[in-house]
Structures are given as structure tokens and as C-alpha cells.
Amino acid sequence: MKVLSFKALLVAGLMAGSSFALAANDGQVQVNGLLSTDGEYRSTWTRVVKREERLPEWVMNLSGTSPQQMTLKEQAHAKYLVGPLCESAQGCDHERLIVAFSWDKDEAYGLLANVPQGLPADTSPKQTQYRWLGEPDEGMQQLLKEQL
């Protein structure tokens, strides 16, 4: 009976610990601070952007303004840390990057959305240009678009 109780306690402790780890990381970091928090994020993002041409420096370095904290999202049974980044607070309405890093930090994806300035709000979505980073599949593209 003691073995069963110990196993039950162990399982409960492991489940609580994993839930705590998810909660501790969900929403605790902003995109513009991500690369400085962990070298694995920097390495993964560098791998994604090195294949790209003519990206703004703030996208290359994830050094712009983060309008909100990153959140945990699921896509195809995998967990991703997802968040927005803009060059500046004033430019967020016209150009925004949404990034997603896999929970194990091995994959990263991005969506750079650019809306020409001066357009009426009702025509802006039709004129938005999308640039995908990291070769996301359709499911990941949908997840990134939903964050806009």
C-alpha cells in the first residue's frame, strides 16, 4: 500500500511540476528580450534569418518593441512560444512581426506583415503583404496569422 501511495505522490508531483514550468514560461518574456535570455533561441533564430535577404535589422535581431508578452500556443500537438514585435510603438499598425519558437527551441517561424501607410482601415487587410520566415507549414501559417 505504501508503494502505491508513493507512486501516486510521485505522479502528482511530476504533473504539478510540469504545470508550474508551463505557467512560469507562458507570458513571462517578450520577443525583444528572448534572444538575450537563452543562447538556444539566438542560435535557432539566426539559422532562420540567415537564409533571408533584405530583412530589417530589428527583425534580424528581434530588437524592436514588443507590444505584449509571449504566450504558449499549441499547433499539431506541439507547443510554441508565440509573440509580436514591431520596429517601434508608432509603427506597429503598419509593420509587425509575429514569431513562434518551438518549446524545445529547435524550430522558429515568423510572419512579417506590412500594411502600406495611409490606407483606409477597410482596405488595409487586402493590401497587407505577408513574408514567411522559417518555412512554416499551413498550420503554422494559420497560427501566426491568428496572432495579427
C-alpha atoms as a PDB file:
ATOM      1  CA  MET A   1       0.000   0.000   0.000  1.00  0.00           C
ATOM      2  CA  LYS A   2       2.871   2.373   0.751  1.00  0.00           C
ATOM      3  CA  VAL A   3       4.324   1.771  -2.709  1.00  0.00           C
ATOM      4  CA  LEU A   4       1.044   2.721  -4.324  1.00  0.00           C
ATOM      5  CA  SER A   5       0.824   5.892  -2.244  1.00  0.00           C
ATOM      6  CA  PHE A   6       4.405   6.819  -3.084  1.00  0.00           C
ATOM      7  CA  LYS A   7       3.755   6.288  -6.810  1.00  0.00           C
ATOM      8  CA  ALA A   8       0.603   8.385  -6.625  1.00  0.00           C
ATOM      9  CA  LEU A   9       2.500  11.167  -4.869  1.00  0.00           C
ATOM     10  CA  LEU A  10       5.330  10.958  -7.378  1.00  0.00           C
ATOM     11  CA  VAL A  11       2.949  11.191 -10.356  1.00  0.00           C
ATOM     12  CA  ALA A  12       1.066  14.085  -8.746  1.00  0.00           C
ATOM     13  CA  GLY A  13       4.340  15.885  -8.032  1.00  0.00           C
ATOM     14  CA  LEU A  14       5.572  15.434 -11.599  1.00  0.00           C
ATOM     15  CA  MET A  15       2.299  16.702 -13.034  1.00  0.00           C
ATOM     16  CA  ALA A  16       2.296  19.727 -10.749  1.00  0.00           C
ATOM     17  CA  GLY A  17       5.922  20.463 -11.612  1.00  0.00           C
ATOM     18  CA  SER A  18       5.301  20.335 -15.345  1.00  0.00           C
ATOM     19  CA  SER A  19       2.238  22.583 -14.990  1.00  0.00           C
ATOM     20  CA  PHE A  20       4.304  25.033 -12.953  1.00  0.00           C
ATOM     21  CA  ALA A  21       7.023  25.046 -15.622  1.00  0.00           C
ATOM     22  CA  LEU A  22       4.474  25.808 -18.330  1.00  0.00           C
ATOM     23  CA  ALA A  23       2.894  28.579 -16.285  1.00  0.00           C
ATOM     24  CA  ALA A  24       6.293  30.033 -15.394  1.00  0.00           C
ATOM     25  CA  ASN A  25       7.271  30.356 -19.040  1.00  0.00           C
ATOM     26  CA  ASP A  26       3.914  31.297 -20.538  1.00  0.00           C
ATOM     27  CA  GLY A  27       3.768  35.075 -20.891  1.00  0.00           C
ATOM     28  CA  GLN A  28       6.861  35.799 -18.876  1.00  0.00           C
ATOM     29  CA  VAL A  29       9.031  37.031 -21.718  1.00  0.00           C
ATOM     30  CA  GLN A  30       8.667  39.475 -24.572  1.00  0.00           C
ATOM     31  CA  VAL A  31      10.028  38.873 -28.060  1.00  0.00           C
ATOM     32  CA  ASN A  32      12.563  41.718 -27.811  1.00  0.00           C
ATOM     33  CA  GLY A  33      14.180  40.080 -24.770  1.00  0.00           C
ATOM     34  CA  LEU A  34      14.086  36.500 -25.987  1.00  0.00           C
ATOM     35  CA  LEU A  35      17.486  36.249 -27.686  1.00  0.00           C
ATOM     36  CA  SER A  36      19.265  37.602 -24.627  1.00  0.00           C
ATOM     37  CA  THR A  37      17.602  35.089 -22.279  1.00  0.00           C
ATOM     38  CA  ASP A  38      18.896  31.906 -23.866  1.00  0.00           C
ATOM     39  CA  GLY A  39      21.573  31.107 -26.444  1.00  0.00           C
ATOM     40  CA  GLU A  40      19.407  28.361 -27.946  1.00  0.00           C
ATOM     41  CA  TYR A  41      16.808  30.932 -29.014  1.00  0.00           C
ATOM     42  CA  ARG A  42      19.553  33.055 -30.595  1.00  0.00           C
ATOM     43  CA  SER A  43      21.032  30.081 -32.437  1.00  0.00           C
ATOM     44  CA  THR A  44      17.663  28.957 -33.772  1.00  0.00           C
ATOM     45  CA  TRP A  45      16.617  32.457 -34.893  1.00  0.00           C
ATOM     46  CA  THR A  46      19.996  33.038 -36.548  1.00  0.00           C
ATOM     47  CA  ARG A  47      19.512  29.824 -38.517  1.00  0.00           C
ATOM     48  CA  VAL A  48      16.095  31.067 -39.702  1.00  0.00           C
ATOM     49  CA  VAL A  49      17.100  34.576 -40.778  1.00  0.00           C
ATOM     50  CA  LYS A  50      20.484  33.783 -42.318  1.00  0.00           C
ATOM     51  CA  ARG A  51      18.684  32.373 -45.382  1.00  0.00           C
ATOM     52  CA  GLU A  52      16.634  35.533 -45.820  1.00  0.00           C
ATOM     53  CA  GLU A  53      17.501  38.606 -47.853  1.00  0.00           C
ATOM     54  CA  ARG A  54      16.817  42.241 -47.006  1.00  0.00           C
ATOM     55  CA  LEU A  55      15.286  41.869 -43.585  1.00  0.00           C
ATOM     56  CA  PRO A  56      15.246  44.926 -41.335  1.00  0.00           C
ATOM     57  CA  GLU A  57      17.782  44.874 -38.514  1.00  0.00           C
ATOM     58  CA  TRP A  58      15.062  44.857 -35.850  1.00  0.00           C
ATOM     59  CA  VAL A  59      13.747  41.601 -37.377  1.00  0.00           C
ATOM     60  CA  MET A  60      17.208  40.046 -37.667  1.00  0.00           C
ATOM     61  CA  ASN A  61      17.997  40.824 -34.015  1.00  0.00           C
ATOM     62  CA  LEU A  62      14.440  40.769 -32.591  1.00  0.00           C
ATOM     63  CA  SER A  63      15.290  44.171 -31.170  1.00  0.00           C
ATOM     64  CA  GLY A  64      12.145  46.189 -31.777  1.00  0.00           C
ATOM     65  CA  THR A  65       9.265  46.931 -29.412  1.00  0.00           C
ATOM     66  CA  SER A  66       7.152  44.111 -28.006  1.00  0.00           C
ATOM     67  CA  PRO A  67       3.566  45.322 -27.605  1.00  0.00           C
ATOM     68  CA  GLN A  68       2.687  42.329 -25.412  1.00  0.00           C
ATOM     69  CA  GLN A  69       4.193  39.292 -23.747  1.00  0.00           C
ATOM     70  CA  MET A  70       4.646  35.955 -25.464  1.00  0.00           C
ATOM     71  CA  THR A  71       2.085  33.225 -24.895  1.00  0.00           C
ATOM     72  CA  LEU A  72       2.023  29.464 -25.119  1.00  0.00           C
ATOM     73  CA  LYS A  73       0.118  28.102 -28.145  1.00  0.00           C
ATOM     74  CA  GLU A  74      -0.389  24.594 -29.476  1.00  0.00           C
ATOM     75  CA  GLN A  75      -0.252  23.578 -33.104  1.00  0.00           C
ATOM     76  CA  ALA A  76      -0.318  19.985 -34.351  1.00  0.00           C
ATOM     77  CA  HIS A  77       0.189  18.636 -30.805  1.00  0.00           C
ATOM     78  CA  ALA A  78       3.335  20.718 -30.328  1.00  0.00           C
ATOM     79  CA  LYS A  79       3.832  23.701 -28.021  1.00  0.00           C
ATOM     80  CA  TYR A  80       5.138  27.064 -29.233  1.00  0.00           C
ATOM     81  CA  LEU A  81       6.050  30.297 -27.516  1.00  0.00           C
ATOM     82  CA  VAL A  82       4.439  32.987 -29.690  1.00  0.00           C
ATOM     83  CA  GLY A  83       4.558  36.769 -29.611  1.00  0.00           C
ATOM     84  CA  PRO A  84       4.573  40.023 -31.599  1.00  0.00           C
ATOM     85  CA  LEU A  85       7.334  42.517 -32.327  1.00  0.00           C
ATOM     86  CA  CYS A  86       7.311  45.931 -34.030  1.00  0.00           C
ATOM     87  CA  GLU A  87      10.121  48.265 -35.010  1.00  0.00           C
ATOM     88  CA  SER A  88       8.576  50.962 -32.803  1.00  0.00           C
ATOM     89  CA  ALA A  89       5.332  51.541 -30.944  1.00  0.00           C
ATOM     90  CA  GLN A  90       4.265  54.075 -33.600  1.00  0.00           C
ATOM     91  CA  GLY A  91       4.975  51.659 -36.461  1.00  0.00           C
ATOM     92  CA  CYS A  92       3.052  48.721 -35.030  1.00  0.00           C
ATOM     93  CA  ASP A  93      -0.052  49.494 -37.092  1.00  0.00           C
ATOM     94  CA  HIS A  94       1.899  49.235 -40.340  1.00  0.00           C
ATOM     95  CA  GLU A  95       4.576  46.612 -39.797  1.00  0.00           C
ATOM     96  CA  ARG A  96       4.538  43.749 -37.349  1.00  0.00           C
ATOM     97  CA  LEU A  97       6.458  40.514 -36.874  1.00  0.00           C
ATOM     98  CA  ILE A  98       4.880  37.513 -35.203  1.00  0.00           C
ATOM     99  CA  VAL A  99       7.369  34.862 -34.073  1.00  0.00           C
ATOM    100  CA  ALA A 100       6.887  31.321 -32.817  1.00  0.00           C
ATOM    101  CA  PHE A 101       9.559  29.227 -31.145  1.00  0.00           C
ATOM    102  CA  SER A 102       9.037  25.534 -30.521  1.00  0.00           C
ATOM    103  CA  TRP A 103       9.032  24.551 -26.871  1.00  0.00           C
ATOM    104  CA  ASP A 104      12.335  22.670 -27.336  1.00  0.00           C
ATOM    105  CA  LYS A 105      13.824  25.772 -29.061  1.00  0.00           C
ATOM    106  CA  ASP A 106      14.800  23.761 -32.161  1.00  0.00           C
ATOM    107  CA  GLU A 107      12.401  25.477 -34.570  1.00  0.00           C
ATOM    108  CA  ALA A 108      11.357  29.070 -35.144  1.00  0.00           C
ATOM    109  CA  TYR A 109       8.932  30.684 -37.558  1.00  0.00           C
ATOM    110  CA  GLY A 110       7.923  34.206 -38.344  1.00  0.00           C
ATOM    111  CA  LEU A 111       5.341  36.246 -40.172  1.00  0.00           C
ATOM    112  CA  LEU A 112       6.330  39.759 -41.177  1.00  0.00           C
ATOM    113  CA  ALA A 113       3.163  41.677 -42.080  1.00  0.00           C
ATOM    114  CA  ASN A 114       3.444  45.035 -43.820  1.00  0.00           C
ATOM    115  CA  VAL A 115       0.442  47.323 -44.404  1.00  0.00           C
ATOM    116  CA  PRO A 116       1.041  50.371 -46.619  1.00  0.00           C
ATOM    117  CA  GLN A 117       0.566  53.592 -44.645  1.00  0.00           C
ATOM    118  CA  GLY A 118      -2.324  55.932 -45.296  1.00  0.00           C
ATOM    119  CA  LEU A 119      -4.860  53.314 -46.383  1.00  0.00           C
ATOM    120  CA  PRO A 120      -8.419  53.308 -45.041  1.00  0.00           C
ATOM    121  CA  ALA A 121      -8.962  50.621 -42.389  1.00  0.00           C
ATOM    122  CA  ASP A 122     -11.413  48.679 -44.571  1.00  0.00           C
ATOM    123  CA  THR A 123      -8.860  48.202 -47.388  1.00  0.00           C
ATOM    124  CA  SER A 124      -5.787  47.542 -45.210  1.00  0.00           C
ATOM    125  CA  PRO A 125      -6.247  43.758 -44.893  1.00  0.00           C
ATOM    126  CA  LYS A 126      -6.471  43.399 -48.671  1.00  0.00           C
ATOM    127  CA  GLN A 127      -3.237  45.342 -49.161  1.00  0.00           C
ATOM    128  CA  THR A 128      -1.229  43.591 -46.442  1.00  0.00           C
ATOM    129  CA  GLN A 129       1.951  41.910 -47.659  1.00  0.00           C
ATOM    130  CA  TYR A 130       2.987  38.746 -45.806  1.00  0.00           C
ATOM    131  CA  ARG A 131       6.506  37.399 -45.634  1.00  0.00           C
ATOM    132  CA  TRP A 132       7.010  33.984 -44.072  1.00  0.00           C
ATOM    133  CA  LEU A 133      10.219  33.150 -42.223  1.00  0.00           C
ATOM    134  CA  GLY A 134      11.400  29.637 -41.407  1.00  0.00           C
ATOM    135  CA  GLU A 135       9.221  27.835 -43.979  1.00  0.00           C
ATOM    136  CA  PRO A 136       6.110  27.313 -41.832  1.00  0.00           C
ATOM    137  CA  ASP A 137       3.554  24.733 -42.956  1.00  0.00           C
ATOM    138  CA  GLU A 138      -0.111  25.690 -43.436  1.00  0.00           C
ATOM    139  CA  GLY A 139      -1.000  25.002 -39.806  1.00  0.00           C
ATOM    140  CA  MET A 140       1.805  27.219 -38.526  1.00  0.00           C
ATOM    141  CA  GLN A 141       0.914  29.926 -41.047  1.00  0.00           C
ATOM    142  CA  GLN A 142      -2.643  29.915 -39.691  1.00  0.00           C
ATOM    143  CA  LEU A 143      -1.411  30.135 -36.093  1.00  0.00           C
ATOM    144  CA  LEU A 144       0.839  33.094 -36.934  1.00  0.00           C
ATOM    145  CA  LYS A 145      -1.909  34.912 -38.884  1.00  0.00           C
ATOM    146  CA  GLU A 146      -4.318  34.488 -35.975  1.00  0.00           C
ATOM    147  CA  GLN A 147      -1.908  36.469 -33.789  1.00  0.00           C
ATOM    148  CA  LEU A 148      -2.120  39.545 -36.040  1.00  0.00           C
END
